[in-house]
């Protein structure tokens, strides 16, 4: 084994490259399976690129509702504090 190859293996680059190649192959296989299974089905809510999904408002609707609920509770608490404590 050459010295350069030994350095690459000790640094973990060889295993990193192998894992990267395997991950690329898995992504490509999943992409091909998705296209063959979903030829007649339109993927309008999820546009896939490997494992990545484009987030839309429907995905974030729960977070926005929690934000609005939190602001509403804060406003009600402020109004109640103002009423019962006075402007002092």
Protein backbone atom coordinates (compact mmCIF):
# COMPACT_ATOMS: atom_id res chain seq x y z
CA UNK A 1 0.00 0.00 0.00
CA UNK A 2 1.45 3.33 -0.97
CA UNK A 3 1.97 6.10 1.52
CA UNK A 4 -0.56 8.39 -0.19
CA UNK A 5 -3.27 5.72 -0.10
CA UNK A 6 -2.53 5.07 3.56
CA UNK A 7 -2.89 8.80 4.32
CA UNK A 8 -6.22 8.92 2.47
CA UNK A 9 -7.53 5.92 4.38
CA UNK A 10 -6.35 7.24 7.75
CA UNK A 11 -7.99 10.60 7.06
CA UNK A 12 -11.27 8.82 6.34
CA UNK A 13 -11.54 10.16 2.81
CA UNK A 14 -11.89 6.73 1.20
CA UNK A 15 -14.85 5.79 3.39
CA UNK A 16 -16.35 9.26 2.85
CA UNK A 17 -16.08 8.87 -0.92
CA UNK A 18 -17.59 5.38 -0.82
CA UNK A 19 -20.49 6.58 1.34
CA UNK A 20 -21.01 9.53 -1.02
CA UNK A 21 -21.14 7.25 -4.06
CA UNK A 22 -23.61 4.94 -2.32
CA UNK A 23 -25.81 7.89 -1.27
CA UNK A 24 -25.83 9.23 -4.84
CA UNK A 25 -26.80 5.80 -6.16
CA UNK A 26 -29.63 5.46 -3.61
CA UNK A 27 -30.94 8.94 -4.52
CA UNK A 28 -30.86 8.12 -8.22
CA UNK A 29 -32.63 4.78 -7.64
CA UNK A 30 -35.35 6.48 -5.57
CA UNK A 31 -35.77 9.16 -8.22
CA UNK A 32 -36.18 6.51 -10.92
CA UNK A 33 -38.68 4.55 -8.81
CA UNK A 34 -40.66 7.72 -8.12
CA UNK A 35 -40.84 8.54 -11.82
CA UNK A 36 -41.92 5.02 -12.79
CA UNK A 37 -44.56 4.76 -10.04
CA UNK A 38 -45.91 8.28 -10.48
CA UNK A 39 -46.01 8.56 -14.26
CA UNK A 40 -49.76 9.19 -14.29
CA UNK A 41 -49.93 11.07 -10.98
CA UNK A 42 -49.07 14.76 -10.86
CA UNK A 43 -46.86 15.71 -7.95
CA UNK A 44 -48.25 19.20 -7.48
CA UNK A 45 -47.80 19.49 -3.73
CA UNK A 46 -44.29 18.06 -3.60
CA UNK A 47 -41.62 18.67 -6.17
CA UNK A 48 -38.92 16.19 -5.33
CA UNK A 49 -35.23 16.56 -5.87
CA UNK A 50 -33.72 13.56 -4.16
CA UNK A 51 -34.88 13.76 -0.57
CA UNK A 52 -35.57 17.49 -0.68
CA UNK A 53 -39.15 18.77 -0.77
CA UNK A 54 -40.13 22.29 -1.74
CA UNK A 55 -41.94 23.80 1.25
CA UNK A 56 -45.24 25.44 0.48
CA UNK A 57 -47.77 27.30 2.59
CA UNK A 58 -49.63 24.07 3.33
CA UNK A 59 -46.50 22.64 4.95
CA UNK A 60 -46.05 25.74 7.12
CA UNK A 61 -49.72 26.36 7.92
CA UNK A 62 -49.44 24.91 11.44
CA UNK A 63 -46.48 27.14 12.28
CA UNK A 64 -48.35 30.24 11.09
CA UNK A 65 -51.42 29.28 13.09
CA UNK A 66 -49.30 28.87 16.23
CA UNK A 67 -47.70 32.26 15.58
CA UNK A 68 -51.10 33.95 15.23
CA UNK A 69 -52.39 32.15 18.33
CA UNK A 70 -49.37 33.30 20.34
CA UNK A 71 -49.81 36.90 19.23
CA UNK A 72 -53.51 36.74 20.06
CA UNK A 73 -52.85 35.40 23.56
CA UNK A 74 -50.19 38.08 24.07
CA UNK A 75 -52.59 40.85 23.01
CA UNK A 76 -55.34 39.53 25.30
CA UNK A 77 -52.88 39.35 28.22
CA UNK A 78 -51.73 42.91 27.53
CA UNK A 79 -55.31 44.23 27.41
CA UNK A 80 -56.25 42.40 30.62
CA UNK A 81 -53.16 43.73 32.36
CA UNK A 82 -53.96 47.26 31.20
CA UNK A 83 -57.57 46.97 32.40
CA UNK A 84 -56.84 45.50 35.84
CA UNK A 85 -53.55 47.25 36.61
CA UNK A 86 -54.26 50.59 35.02
CA UNK A 87 -51.84 52.65 32.91
CA UNK A 88 -49.36 53.04 35.83
